[in-house]
């Protein structure tokens, strides 16, 4: 009991839920991190193949199996008509509007600028700069399910 007496004991309760906007920010940051990893792998000449767990039921035995498979990561960037790289920020399957005028892509000159822009976007998301666009997209997605 002397060990417990040496510790500071308090009554505490763990919060069970996180604010929805924080969950959405974290989701978008995770996807931005995947895009950064994809760009850096392509720059180094490697393939980016993150793993995910997939569960299925064996038809013959009826046993539930879990296997590790390669996760598909789609690029958010492409080469535009002018020969420059265009980057769109996605939330789920939808493209986020980046300003009030409806711009949906960022024009970049090269791959290094693309990686730097993705990193700065990740910081901006964590600072809450895209919260309005994320909320609008989330609301539109929820309303689409309610039809």
N, C-alpha and C. Protein backbone atom coordinates (compact mmCIF):
# COMPACT_ATOMS: atom_id res chain seq x y z
N UNK A 1 0.81 -1.21 0.00
CA UNK A 1 0.00 0.00 0.00
C UNK A 1 0.85 1.27 0.00
N UNK A 2 2.09 1.18 0.37
CA UNK A 2 2.94 2.37 0.39
C UNK A 2 3.15 2.93 -1.01
N UNK A 3 3.09 2.08 -2.03
CA UNK A 3 3.25 2.54 -3.41
C UNK A 3 2.06 3.41 -3.82
N UNK A 4 0.84 3.00 -3.48
CA UNK A 4 -0.34 3.80 -3.79
C UNK A 4 -0.37 5.10 -3.02
N UNK A 5 0.15 5.10 -1.80
CA UNK A 5 0.18 6.33 -1.00
C UNK A 5 1.14 7.35 -1.59
N UNK A 6 2.14 6.91 -2.34
CA UNK A 6 3.12 7.82 -2.93
C UNK A 6 2.59 8.46 -4.21
N UNK A 7 1.54 7.90 -4.78
CA UNK A 7 0.98 8.42 -6.03
C UNK A 7 -0.14 9.40 -5.75
N UNK A 8 -0.32 10.33 -6.68
CA UNK A 8 -1.43 11.28 -6.57
C UNK A 8 -2.66 10.65 -7.22
N UNK A 9 -3.66 10.33 -6.43
CA UNK A 9 -4.88 9.70 -6.90
C UNK A 9 -5.98 10.74 -7.06
N UNK A 10 -6.71 10.69 -8.18
CA UNK A 10 -7.78 11.64 -8.45
C UNK A 10 -8.99 10.89 -9.00
N UNK A 11 -10.14 11.54 -8.97
CA UNK A 11 -11.34 11.01 -9.59
C UNK A 11 -11.44 11.66 -10.96
N UNK A 12 -11.48 10.85 -12.01
CA UNK A 12 -11.49 11.38 -13.36
C UNK A 12 -12.44 10.56 -14.22
N UNK A 13 -12.95 11.19 -15.28
CA UNK A 13 -13.83 10.52 -16.22
C UNK A 13 -13.29 10.75 -17.62
N UNK A 14 -13.16 9.69 -18.40
CA UNK A 14 -12.68 9.78 -19.77
C UNK A 14 -13.84 10.19 -20.67
N UNK A 15 -13.59 11.18 -21.50
CA UNK A 15 -14.61 11.61 -22.45
C UNK A 15 -14.76 10.55 -23.53
N UNK A 16 -15.97 10.16 -23.81
CA UNK A 16 -16.23 9.09 -24.76
C UNK A 16 -16.28 9.58 -26.20
N UNK A 17 -16.56 10.85 -26.41
CA UNK A 17 -16.69 11.33 -27.78
C UNK A 17 -15.81 12.55 -28.02
N UNK A 18 -15.46 12.70 -29.26
CA UNK A 18 -14.67 13.83 -29.70
C UNK A 18 -15.60 14.71 -30.53
N UNK A 19 -15.34 16.00 -30.55
CA UNK A 19 -16.18 16.90 -31.34
C UNK A 19 -16.17 16.47 -32.81
N UNK A 20 -17.30 16.53 -33.48
CA UNK A 20 -17.37 16.08 -34.88
C UNK A 20 -16.38 16.79 -35.80
N UNK A 21 -16.15 18.07 -35.59
CA UNK A 21 -15.22 18.79 -36.47
C UNK A 21 -13.80 18.29 -36.28
N UNK A 22 -13.45 17.89 -35.06
CA UNK A 22 -12.11 17.36 -34.81
C UNK A 22 -11.95 16.02 -35.51
N UNK A 23 -13.00 15.19 -35.50
CA UNK A 23 -12.94 13.91 -36.20
C UNK A 23 -12.79 14.13 -37.70
N UNK A 24 -13.50 15.12 -38.24
CA UNK A 24 -13.42 15.40 -39.68
C UNK A 24 -12.04 15.94 -40.05
N UNK A 25 -11.49 16.81 -39.20
CA UNK A 25 -10.13 17.32 -39.44
C UNK A 25 -9.13 16.17 -39.46
N UNK A 26 -9.24 15.27 -38.49
CA UNK A 26 -8.30 14.15 -38.41
C UNK A 26 -8.42 13.24 -39.63
N UNK A 27 -9.66 13.05 -40.11
CA UNK A 27 -9.87 12.23 -41.30
C UNK A 27 -9.20 12.85 -42.52
N UNK A 28 -9.39 14.17 -42.69
CA UNK A 28 -8.79 14.86 -43.82
C UNK A 28 -7.27 14.89 -43.69
N UNK A 29 -6.75 15.06 -42.49
CA UNK A 29 -5.29 15.06 -42.27
C UNK A 29 -4.69 13.70 -42.60
N UNK A 30 -5.38 12.64 -42.26
CA UNK A 30 -4.89 11.31 -42.58
C UNK A 30 -4.82 11.11 -44.10
N UNK A 31 -5.82 11.60 -44.82
CA UNK A 31 -5.82 11.49 -46.27
C UNK A 31 -4.73 12.36 -46.90
N UNK A 32 -4.51 13.55 -46.34
CA UNK A 32 -3.43 14.41 -46.82
C UNK A 32 -2.08 13.73 -46.59
N UNK A 33 -1.93 13.07 -45.45
CA UNK A 33 -0.69 12.36 -45.16
C UNK A 33 -0.45 11.25 -46.18
N UNK A 34 -1.51 10.53 -46.56
CA UNK A 34 -1.38 9.51 -47.59
C UNK A 34 -0.93 10.11 -48.92
N UNK A 35 -1.47 11.28 -49.27
CA UNK A 35 -1.07 11.93 -50.52
C UNK A 35 0.40 12.36 -50.47
N UNK A 36 0.85 12.84 -49.32
CA UNK A 36 2.25 13.23 -49.16
C UNK A 36 3.14 12.00 -49.34
N UNK A 37 2.77 10.90 -48.69
CA UNK A 37 3.54 9.66 -48.81
C UNK A 37 3.56 9.17 -50.27
N UNK A 38 2.44 9.27 -50.96
CA UNK A 38 2.34 8.86 -52.36
C UNK A 38 3.27 9.71 -53.23
N UNK A 39 3.25 11.02 -53.03
CA UNK A 39 4.10 11.92 -53.82
C UNK A 39 5.58 11.66 -53.56
N UNK A 40 5.94 11.47 -52.28
CA UNK A 40 7.34 11.22 -51.95
C UNK A 40 7.80 9.88 -52.52
N UNK A 41 6.94 8.87 -52.53
CA UNK A 41 7.30 7.58 -53.11
C UNK A 41 7.48 7.70 -54.62
N UNK A 42 6.60 8.44 -55.27
CA UNK A 42 6.72 8.62 -56.72
C UNK A 42 7.98 9.40 -57.07
N UNK A 43 8.32 10.37 -56.23
CA UNK A 43 9.52 11.17 -56.46
C UNK A 43 10.77 10.29 -56.34
N UNK A 44 10.75 9.35 -55.39
CA UNK A 44 11.88 8.45 -55.18
C UNK A 44 11.87 7.29 -56.18
N UNK A 45 10.83 7.15 -56.97
CA UNK A 45 10.74 6.08 -57.95
C UNK A 45 10.21 4.77 -57.37
N UNK A 46 9.58 4.85 -56.21
CA UNK A 46 9.03 3.66 -55.56
C UNK A 46 7.51 3.62 -55.74
N UNK A 47 6.91 2.50 -55.39
CA UNK A 47 5.46 2.41 -55.38
C UNK A 47 4.98 2.54 -53.94
N UNK A 48 3.89 3.22 -53.77
CA UNK A 48 3.29 3.41 -52.45
C UNK A 48 2.16 2.42 -52.31
N UNK A 49 2.29 1.49 -51.38
CA UNK A 49 1.29 0.44 -51.21
C UNK A 49 0.99 0.24 -49.73
N UNK A 50 0.14 1.10 -49.16
CA UNK A 50 -0.23 0.90 -47.74
C UNK A 50 -1.10 -0.35 -47.60
N UNK A 51 -1.09 -0.92 -46.44
CA UNK A 51 -1.84 -2.15 -46.17
C UNK A 51 -3.11 -1.84 -45.40
N UNK A 52 -4.12 -2.68 -45.58
CA UNK A 52 -5.34 -2.60 -44.79
C UNK A 52 -5.82 -4.02 -44.50
N UNK A 53 -6.61 -4.17 -43.46
CA UNK A 53 -7.17 -5.46 -43.12
C UNK A 53 -8.54 -5.61 -43.77
N UNK A 54 -8.77 -6.77 -44.38
CA UNK A 54 -10.04 -7.03 -45.05
C UNK A 54 -10.60 -8.33 -44.48
N UNK A 55 -11.87 -8.31 -44.08
CA UNK A 55 -12.52 -9.50 -43.54
C UNK A 55 -13.48 -10.08 -44.58
N UNK A 56 -13.52 -11.39 -44.64
CA UNK A 56 -14.45 -12.07 -45.53
C UNK A 56 -14.83 -13.41 -44.91
N UNK A 57 -15.90 -13.98 -45.41
CA UNK A 57 -16.35 -15.29 -44.94
C UNK A 57 -15.99 -16.34 -45.99
N UNK A 58 -15.30 -17.37 -45.56
CA UNK A 58 -14.94 -18.48 -46.43
C UNK A 58 -16.21 -19.22 -46.83
N UNK A 59 -16.46 -19.36 -48.13
CA UNK A 59 -17.71 -19.98 -48.62
C UNK A 59 -17.80 -21.46 -48.28
N UNK A 60 -16.67 -22.13 -48.23
CA UNK A 60 -16.68 -23.57 -48.00
C UNK A 60 -16.84 -23.92 -46.52
N UNK A 61 -16.12 -23.21 -45.66
CA UNK A 61 -16.15 -23.56 -44.23
C UNK A 61 -17.06 -22.66 -43.41
N UNK A 62 -17.41 -21.48 -43.94
CA UNK A 62 -18.24 -20.55 -43.20
C UNK A 62 -17.45 -19.78 -42.15
N UNK A 63 -16.15 -19.96 -42.15
CA UNK A 63 -15.28 -19.31 -41.16
C UNK A 63 -14.98 -17.87 -41.58
N UNK A 64 -14.97 -16.99 -40.62
CA UNK A 64 -14.66 -15.57 -40.87
C UNK A 64 -13.14 -15.42 -40.89
N UNK A 65 -12.61 -14.87 -41.99
CA UNK A 65 -11.17 -14.74 -42.18
C UNK A 65 -10.81 -13.26 -42.31
N UNK A 66 -9.62 -12.91 -41.85
CA UNK A 66 -9.09 -11.56 -42.00
C UNK A 66 -7.74 -11.66 -42.69
N UNK A 67 -7.59 -10.92 -43.78
CA UNK A 67 -6.33 -10.92 -44.53
C UNK A 67 -5.86 -9.48 -44.71
N UNK A 68 -4.57 -9.33 -44.92
CA UNK A 68 -3.99 -8.02 -45.16
C UNK A 68 -3.90 -7.82 -46.67
N UNK A 69 -4.46 -6.72 -47.18
CA UNK A 69 -4.43 -6.44 -48.60
C UNK A 69 -3.86 -5.05 -48.83
N UNK A 70 -3.57 -4.76 -50.08
CA UNK A 70 -3.04 -3.45 -50.44
C UNK A 70 -4.20 -2.47 -50.58
N UNK A 71 -4.07 -1.33 -49.94
CA UNK A 71 -5.10 -0.28 -50.00
C UNK A 71 -4.88 0.56 -51.25
N UNK A 72 -5.95 0.85 -51.95
CA UNK A 72 -5.86 1.69 -53.15
C UNK A 72 -5.91 3.15 -52.75
N UNK A 73 -4.91 3.91 -53.19
CA UNK A 73 -4.86 5.35 -52.93
C UNK A 73 -4.92 6.06 -54.27
N UNK A 74 -5.96 6.83 -54.47
CA UNK A 74 -6.11 7.59 -55.72
C UNK A 74 -5.39 8.93 -55.59
N UNK A 75 -4.77 9.34 -56.67
CA UNK A 75 -4.06 10.62 -56.68
C UNK A 75 -5.05 11.77 -56.73
N UNK A 76 -4.75 12.81 -55.97
CA UNK A 76 -5.56 14.02 -55.98
C UNK A 76 -5.01 15.03 -56.97
N UNK A 77 -3.97 14.71 -57.69
CA UNK A 77 -3.31 15.65 -58.57
C UNK A 77 -3.22 15.09 -59.98
N UNK A 78 -3.12 15.98 -60.96
CA UNK A 78 -3.02 15.60 -62.36
C UNK A 78 -2.33 16.72 -63.11
N UNK A 79 -1.88 16.41 -64.32
CA UNK A 79 -1.24 17.39 -65.19
C UNK A 79 -2.34 18.08 -65.99
N UNK A 80 -2.40 19.41 -65.88
CA UNK A 80 -3.44 20.17 -66.57
C UNK A 80 -3.07 20.47 -68.02
N UNK A 81 -3.95 21.23 -68.68
CA UNK A 81 -3.75 21.58 -70.09
C UNK A 81 -2.51 22.43 -70.31
N UNK A 82 -2.13 23.22 -69.30
CA UNK A 82 -0.98 24.11 -69.42
C UNK A 82 0.34 23.41 -69.11
N UNK A 83 0.28 22.15 -68.72
CA UNK A 83 1.49 21.41 -68.39
C UNK A 83 1.88 21.52 -66.92
N UNK A 84 1.07 22.22 -66.16
CA UNK A 84 1.33 22.37 -64.73
C UNK A 84 0.51 21.36 -63.94
N UNK A 85 0.91 21.13 -62.71
CA UNK A 85 0.23 20.17 -61.85
C UNK A 85 -0.96 20.86 -61.19
N UNK A 86 -2.11 20.23 -61.24
CA UNK A 86 -3.30 20.70 -60.54
C UNK A 86 -3.57 19.77 -59.37
N UNK A 87 -3.90 20.35 -58.21
CA UNK A 87 -4.16 19.59 -57.00
C UNK A 87 -5.54 19.95 -56.48
N UNK A 88 -6.38 18.95 -56.29
CA UNK A 88 -7.70 19.14 -55.71
C UNK A 88 -7.70 18.46 -54.34
N UNK A 89 -8.34 19.08 -53.36
CA UNK A 89 -8.45 18.50 -52.02
C UNK A 89 -9.78 17.78 -51.94
N UNK A 90 -9.72 16.50 -51.61
CA UNK A 90 -10.93 15.67 -51.57
C UNK A 90 -11.34 15.40 -50.13
N UNK A 91 -12.64 15.38 -49.91
CA UNK A 91 -13.21 14.93 -48.64
C UNK A 91 -14.17 13.82 -49.00
N UNK A 92 -13.76 12.60 -48.79
CA UNK A 92 -14.52 11.46 -49.29
C UNK A 92 -14.36 11.40 -50.79
N UNK A 93 -15.44 11.32 -51.52
CA UNK A 93 -15.38 11.29 -52.97
C UNK A 93 -15.59 12.66 -53.58
N UNK A 94 -15.85 13.67 -52.76
CA UNK A 94 -16.17 15.01 -53.25
C UNK A 94 -14.94 15.92 -53.16
N UNK A 95 -14.88 16.89 -54.06
CA UNK A 95 -13.80 17.87 -54.06
C UNK A 95 -14.21 19.08 -53.23
N UNK A 96 -13.35 19.50 -52.31
CA UNK A 96 -13.65 20.64 -51.45
C UNK A 96 -13.47 21.95 -52.22
N UNK A 97 -14.39 22.89 -52.09
CA UNK A 97 -14.16 24.22 -52.65
C UNK A 97 -13.13 24.94 -51.77
N UNK A 98 -12.14 25.57 -52.41
CA UNK A 98 -11.05 26.17 -51.64
C UNK A 98 -11.25 27.64 -51.33
N UNK A 99 -12.23 28.28 -51.97
CA UNK A 99 -12.57 29.66 -51.61
C UNK A 99 -14.04 29.89 -51.90
N UNK A 100 -14.51 31.09 -51.60
CA UNK A 100 -15.94 31.41 -51.78
C UNK A 100 -16.34 31.50 -53.25
N UNK A 101 -15.37 31.71 -54.15
CA UNK A 101 -15.68 31.82 -55.57
C UNK A 101 -15.84 30.46 -56.24
N UNK A 102 -15.54 29.40 -55.51
CA UNK A 102 -15.74 28.06 -56.05
C UNK A 102 -14.50 27.42 -56.65
N UNK A 103 -13.32 28.00 -56.44
CA UNK A 103 -12.09 27.38 -56.96
C UNK A 103 -11.92 26.01 -56.31
N UNK A 104 -11.58 25.01 -57.12
CA UNK A 104 -11.50 23.67 -56.59
C UNK A 104 -10.14 23.01 -56.78
N UNK A 105 -9.15 23.73 -57.30
CA UNK A 105 -7.83 23.15 -57.52
C UNK A 105 -6.75 24.20 -57.30
N UNK A 106 -5.55 23.72 -57.02
CA UNK A 106 -4.38 24.57 -56.83
C UNK A 106 -3.42 24.24 -57.97
N UNK A 107 -2.91 25.27 -58.65
CA UNK A 107 -1.98 25.06 -59.76
C UNK A 107 -0.55 25.15 -59.23
N UNK A 108 0.26 24.14 -59.56
CA UNK A 108 1.63 24.04 -59.06
C UNK A 108 2.60 23.79 -60.22
N UNK A 109 3.86 24.16 -60.00
CA UNK A 109 4.85 24.05 -61.07
C UNK A 109 5.54 22.68 -61.14
N UNK A 110 5.86 22.10 -59.97
CA UNK A 110 6.62 20.85 -59.99
C UNK A 110 6.26 19.98 -58.78
N UNK A 111 6.87 18.82 -58.70
CA UNK A 111 6.58 17.86 -57.64
C UNK A 111 7.00 18.33 -56.26
N UNK A 112 8.12 19.06 -56.19
CA UNK A 112 8.57 19.57 -54.89
C UNK A 112 7.57 20.58 -54.33
N UNK A 113 7.05 21.41 -55.20
CA UNK A 113 6.04 22.38 -54.79
C UNK A 113 4.75 21.67 -54.38
N UNK A 114 4.45 20.56 -55.04
CA UNK A 114 3.27 19.76 -54.70
C UNK A 114 3.39 19.21 -53.28
N UNK A 115 4.53 18.65 -52.94
CA UNK A 115 4.74 18.09 -51.60
C UNK A 115 4.68 19.19 -50.55
N UNK A 116 5.31 20.33 -50.83
CA UNK A 116 5.28 21.45 -49.88
C UNK A 116 3.86 21.97 -49.69
N UNK A 117 3.09 22.02 -50.76
CA UNK A 117 1.70 22.49 -50.67
C UNK A 117 0.85 21.52 -49.87
N UNK A 118 1.03 20.22 -50.08
CA UNK A 118 0.28 19.23 -49.30
C UNK A 118 0.60 19.35 -47.81
N UNK A 119 1.87 19.58 -47.49
CA UNK A 119 2.25 19.74 -46.08
C UNK A 119 1.64 21.01 -45.48
N UNK A 120 1.61 22.09 -46.25
CA UNK A 120 1.01 23.33 -45.74
C UNK A 120 -0.51 23.19 -45.62
N UNK A 121 -1.13 22.43 -46.52
CA UNK A 121 -2.57 22.16 -46.41
C UNK A 121 -2.88 21.35 -45.16
N UNK A 122 -2.01 20.42 -44.83
CA UNK A 122 -2.21 19.61 -43.63
C UNK A 122 -2.18 20.50 -42.38
N UNK A 123 -1.25 21.44 -42.34
CA UNK A 123 -1.18 22.38 -41.22
C UNK A 123 -2.42 23.26 -41.18
N UNK A 124 -2.87 23.70 -42.35
CA UNK A 124 -4.07 24.55 -42.42
C UNK A 124 -5.30 23.80 -41.92
N UNK A 125 -5.41 22.52 -42.25
CA UNK A 125 -6.55 21.72 -41.78
C UNK A 125 -6.49 21.60 -40.26
N UNK A 126 -5.32 21.31 -39.72
CA UNK A 126 -5.18 21.19 -38.27
C UNK A 126 -5.48 22.50 -37.55
N UNK A 127 -5.22 23.63 -38.20
CA UNK A 127 -5.52 24.94 -37.63
C UNK A 127 -6.98 25.34 -37.81
N UNK A 128 -7.75 24.55 -38.55
CA UNK A 128 -9.17 24.82 -38.71
C UNK A 128 -9.53 25.75 -39.84
N UNK A 129 -8.61 25.97 -40.78
CA UNK A 129 -8.88 26.91 -41.87
C UNK A 129 -9.88 26.37 -42.90
N UNK A 130 -10.02 25.07 -43.00
CA UNK A 130 -10.97 24.48 -43.95
C UNK A 130 -12.21 23.93 -43.28
N UNK A 131 -12.47 24.32 -42.03
CA UNK A 131 -13.60 23.78 -41.29
C UNK A 131 -14.94 24.07 -41.97
N UNK A 132 -15.11 25.28 -42.51
CA UNK A 132 -16.37 25.62 -43.16
C UNK A 132 -16.62 24.74 -44.38
N UNK A 133 -15.59 24.53 -45.19
CA UNK A 133 -15.75 23.68 -46.38
C UNK A 133 -16.02 22.24 -45.98
N UNK A 134 -15.35 21.76 -44.94
CA UNK A 134 -15.56 20.38 -44.48
C UNK A 134 -16.99 20.21 -43.96
N UNK A 135 -17.46 21.19 -43.17
CA UNK A 135 -18.82 21.12 -42.64
C UNK A 135 -19.86 21.15 -43.75
N UNK A 136 -19.67 22.02 -44.74
CA UNK A 136 -20.60 22.09 -45.87
C UNK A 136 -20.65 20.77 -46.64
N UNK A 137 -19.48 20.17 -46.86
CA UNK A 137 -19.42 18.92 -47.61
C UNK A 137 -20.05 17.78 -46.79
N UNK A 138 -19.81 17.78 -45.51
CA UNK A 138 -20.38 16.75 -44.65
C UNK A 138 -21.90 16.88 -44.59
N UNK A 139 -22.39 18.10 -44.49
CA UNK A 139 -23.83 18.34 -44.47
C UNK A 139 -24.48 17.91 -45.78
N UNK A 140 -23.85 18.23 -46.91
CA UNK A 140 -24.38 17.85 -48.21
C UNK A 140 -24.41 16.33 -48.36
N UNK A 141 -23.38 15.66 -47.83
CA UNK A 141 -23.34 14.20 -47.92
C UNK A 141 -24.44 13.57 -47.08
N UNK A 142 -24.65 14.11 -45.88
CA UNK A 142 -25.71 13.58 -45.02
C UNK A 142 -27.09 13.81 -45.62
N UNK A 143 -27.30 14.96 -46.25
CA UNK A 143 -28.59 15.23 -46.86
C UNK A 143 -28.84 14.34 -48.06
N UNK A 144 -27.79 13.96 -48.77
CA UNK A 144 -27.94 13.08 -49.93
C UNK A 144 -28.42 11.70 -49.48
N UNK A 145 -28.01 11.26 -48.29
CA UNK A 145 -28.47 9.97 -47.78
C UNK A 145 -29.92 10.05 -47.32
N UNK A 146 -30.40 11.26 -46.99
CA UNK A 146 -31.75 11.41 -46.47
C UNK A 146 -32.83 11.46 -47.52
N UNK A 147 -32.47 11.41 -48.80
CA UNK A 147 -33.47 11.51 -49.87
C UNK A 147 -34.40 10.34 -49.90
